[in-house]
Amino acid sequence: MEAEGWYLDPYGLHEERWYSNGTATSLVRDAHVESHDPPPEQPPPNSTLVRKAADPNSQDAGDLRRADSAEQGDNDPNYGDAAFDSFGTVHTIWDPLQQRDRPD
């Protein structure tokens, strides 16, 4: 599996550097402040990547989610039904012409 997430910056320029699909990106973090600094063109002096462990009590744990995870949708196929049910509304088949609401 390719590196994905925050890793200790192998270049030693910042505390952490974001890796995407095994490639260092310009997204860096120092003292929990994110900024951009493109990685140097030469390979890092330390080729071993050390993953930044997420503190389970930290709000940073969400950083370990992939950027495209929202596109994958919710894993629960009944999520939409549950949302409608929570509001106490009745969901019906969508009728763009609203023919059901017209008097005969």
C-alpha atoms as a PDB file:
ATOM      1  CA  MET A   1       0.000   0.000   0.000  1.00  0.00           C
ATOM      2  CA  GLU A   2       1.307   3.442  -0.944  1.00  0.00           C
ATOM      3  CA  ALA A   3       1.889   6.050   1.748  1.00  0.00           C
ATOM      4  CA  GLU A   4      -1.246   8.111   2.442  1.00  0.00           C
ATOM      5  CA  GLY A   5      -1.528  10.619   5.274  1.00  0.00           C
ATOM      6  CA  TRP A   6       0.722  12.597   7.571  1.00  0.00           C
ATOM      7  CA  TYR A   7       4.314  11.414   7.935  1.00  0.00           C
ATOM      8  CA  LEU A   8       7.299  12.905   9.709  1.00  0.00           C
ATOM      9  CA  ASP A   9       8.939  15.094   7.073  1.00  0.00           C
ATOM     10  CA  PRO A  10      11.833  12.979   5.750  1.00  0.00           C
ATOM     11  CA  TYR A  11      13.491  16.147   4.409  1.00  0.00           C
ATOM     12  CA  GLY A  12      13.691  17.570   7.934  1.00  0.00           C
ATOM     13  CA  LEU A  13      12.262  20.913   6.813  1.00  0.00           C
ATOM     14  CA  HIS A  14       8.962  20.617   8.725  1.00  0.00           C
ATOM     15  CA  GLU A  15       7.490  18.468  11.464  1.00  0.00           C
ATOM     16  CA  GLU A  16       5.115  16.613   9.144  1.00  0.00           C
ATOM     17  CA  ARG A  17       4.433  16.299   5.431  1.00  0.00           C
ATOM     18  CA  TRP A  18       1.311  14.927   3.737  1.00  0.00           C
ATOM     19  CA  TYR A  19       1.855  11.965   1.424  1.00  0.00           C
ATOM     20  CA  SER A  20      -0.672  11.036  -1.236  1.00  0.00           C
ATOM     21  CA  ASN A  21      -0.399   7.781  -3.152  1.00  0.00           C
ATOM     22  CA  GLY A  22       3.215   7.384  -2.026  1.00  0.00           C
ATOM     23  CA  THR A  23       4.282  10.872  -3.128  1.00  0.00           C
ATOM     24  CA  ALA A  24       5.286  13.796  -0.936  1.00  0.00           C
ATOM     25  CA  THR A  25       2.998  16.802  -1.413  1.00  0.00           C
ATOM     26  CA  SER A  26       3.462  20.487  -0.668  1.00  0.00           C
ATOM     27  CA  LEU A  27       1.106  20.288   2.329  1.00  0.00           C
ATOM     28  CA  VAL A  28       3.153  20.525   5.522  1.00  0.00           C
ATOM     29  CA  ARG A  29       2.381  21.011   9.191  1.00  0.00           C
ATOM     30  CA  ASP A  30       4.355  22.550  12.049  1.00  0.00           C
ATOM     31  CA  ALA A  31       2.894  22.788  15.573  1.00  0.00           C
ATOM     32  CA  HIS A  32      -0.500  21.743  14.099  1.00  0.00           C
ATOM     33  CA  VAL A  33      -0.459  24.710  11.668  1.00  0.00           C
ATOM     34  CA  GLU A  34      -0.787  23.681   8.029  1.00  0.00           C
ATOM     35  CA  SER A  35       0.960  25.490   5.199  1.00  0.00           C
ATOM     36  CA  HIS A  36       2.425  24.727   1.788  1.00  0.00           C
ATOM     37  CA  ASP A  37       6.067  24.160   0.937  1.00  0.00           C
ATOM     38  CA  PRO A  38       6.864  22.069  -2.142  1.00  0.00           C
ATOM     39  CA  PRO A  39       9.167  19.142  -1.410  1.00  0.00           C
ATOM     40  CA  PRO A  40      12.731  19.461  -2.708  1.00  0.00           C
ATOM     41  CA  GLU A  41      13.382  17.881  -6.085  1.00  0.00           C
ATOM     42  CA  GLN A  42      16.093  15.544  -4.759  1.00  0.00           C
ATOM     43  CA  PRO A  43      15.109  12.396  -2.872  1.00  0.00           C
ATOM     44  CA  PRO A  44      14.874  12.754   0.903  1.00  0.00           C
ATOM     45  CA  PRO A  45      18.031  11.922   2.873  1.00  0.00           C
ATOM     46  CA  ASN A  46      15.975   9.523   4.992  1.00  0.00           C
ATOM     47  CA  SER A  47      14.062   7.194   2.664  1.00  0.00           C
ATOM     48  CA  THR A  48      12.185   5.457   5.503  1.00  0.00           C
ATOM     49  CA  LEU A  49       8.792   7.052   6.103  1.00  0.00           C
ATOM     50  CA  VAL A  50       7.544   7.263   9.670  1.00  0.00           C
ATOM     51  CA  ARG A  51       3.781   7.645   9.927  1.00  0.00           C
ATOM     52  CA  LYS A  52       2.512  10.314  12.255  1.00  0.00           C
ATOM     53  CA  ALA A  53       0.390   8.402  14.743  1.00  0.00           C
ATOM     54  CA  ALA A  54      -3.012   9.977  15.298  1.00  0.00           C
ATOM     55  CA  ASP A  55      -3.872  10.714  18.887  1.00  0.00           C
ATOM     56  CA  PRO A  56      -7.299   9.100  19.439  1.00  0.00           C
ATOM     57  CA  ASN A  57      -8.231  12.026  21.724  1.00  0.00           C
ATOM     58  CA  SER A  58      -7.174  14.553  19.122  1.00  0.00           C
ATOM     59  CA  GLN A  59      -9.382  16.210  16.555  1.00  0.00           C
ATOM     60  CA  ASP A  60      -6.658  15.407  14.015  1.00  0.00           C
ATOM     61  CA  ALA A  61      -7.863  11.808  13.679  1.00  0.00           C
ATOM     62  CA  GLY A  62     -10.050  12.954  10.777  1.00  0.00           C
ATOM     63  CA  ASP A  63      -6.870  13.788   8.880  1.00  0.00           C
ATOM     64  CA  LEU A  64      -6.433  10.103   8.186  1.00  0.00           C
ATOM     65  CA  ARG A  65      -9.536  10.032   5.987  1.00  0.00           C
ATOM     66  CA  ARG A  66      -8.953  10.106   2.247  1.00  0.00           C
ATOM     67  CA  ALA A  67     -10.027  13.215   0.384  1.00  0.00           C
ATOM     68  CA  ASP A  68     -12.261  11.160  -1.900  1.00  0.00           C
ATOM     69  CA  SER A  69     -14.039   9.327   0.934  1.00  0.00           C
ATOM     70  CA  ALA A  70     -16.996  11.719   0.674  1.00  0.00           C
ATOM     71  CA  GLU A  71     -17.490  10.689  -2.947  1.00  0.00           C
ATOM     72  CA  GLN A  72     -17.865   7.069  -1.909  1.00  0.00           C
ATOM     73  CA  GLY A  73     -21.039   7.947  -0.011  1.00  0.00           C
ATOM     74  CA  ASP A  74     -22.421   6.428   3.107  1.00  0.00           C
ATOM     75  CA  ASN A  75     -22.019   2.691   3.460  1.00  0.00           C
ATOM     76  CA  ASP A  76     -25.548   2.293   4.811  1.00  0.00           C
ATOM     77  CA  PRO A  77     -27.954   1.873   1.862  1.00  0.00           C
ATOM     78  CA  ASN A  78     -30.891   2.793   4.133  1.00  0.00           C
ATOM     79  CA  TYR A  79     -29.341   6.065   5.280  1.00  0.00           C
ATOM     80  CA  GLY A  80     -31.722   8.198   3.192  1.00  0.00           C
ATOM     81  CA  ASP A  81     -34.774   6.398   4.536  1.00  0.00           C
ATOM     82  CA  ALA A  82     -33.530   6.823   8.091  1.00  0.00           C
ATOM     83  CA  ALA A  83     -33.007  10.545   7.512  1.00  0.00           C
ATOM     84  CA  PHE A  84     -36.559  11.000   6.213  1.00  0.00           C
ATOM     85  CA  ASP A  85     -37.967   8.934   9.065  1.00  0.00           C
ATOM     86  CA  SER A  86     -36.133  11.043  11.641  1.00  0.00           C
ATOM     87  CA  PHE A  87     -38.026  14.126  10.450  1.00  0.00           C
ATOM     88  CA  GLY A  88     -41.375  12.364  10.489  1.00  0.00           C
ATOM     89  CA  THR A  89     -42.038  13.106   6.837  1.00  0.00           C
ATOM     90  CA  VAL A  90     -43.448  10.781   4.257  1.00  0.00           C
ATOM     91  CA  HIS A  91     -41.294  10.337   1.205  1.00  0.00           C
ATOM     92  CA  THR A  92     -42.931   9.561  -2.083  1.00  0.00           C
ATOM     93  CA  ILE A  93     -41.799   9.019  -5.625  1.00  0.00           C
ATOM     94  CA  TRP A  94     -40.544  12.268  -7.085  1.00  0.00           C
ATOM     95  CA  ASP A  95     -43.101  13.821  -9.408  1.00  0.00           C
ATOM     96  CA  PRO A  96     -41.550  16.728 -11.328  1.00  0.00           C
ATOM     97  CA  LEU A  97     -44.922  17.862 -12.737  1.00  0.00           C
ATOM     98  CA  GLN A  98     -46.655  17.501  -9.360  1.00  0.00           C
ATOM     99  CA  GLN A  99     -49.568  15.803 -11.063  1.00  0.00           C
ATOM    100  CA  ARG A 100     -50.797  14.255  -7.827  1.00  0.00           C
ATOM    101  CA  ASP A 101     -51.456  17.713  -6.346  1.00  0.00           C
ATOM    102  CA  ARG A 102     -53.668  18.915  -9.225  1.00  0.00           C
ATOM    103  CA  PRO A 103     -57.426  18.699  -8.840  1.00  0.00           C
ATOM    104  CA  ASP A 104     -59.212  16.434 -11.329  1.00  0.00           C
END
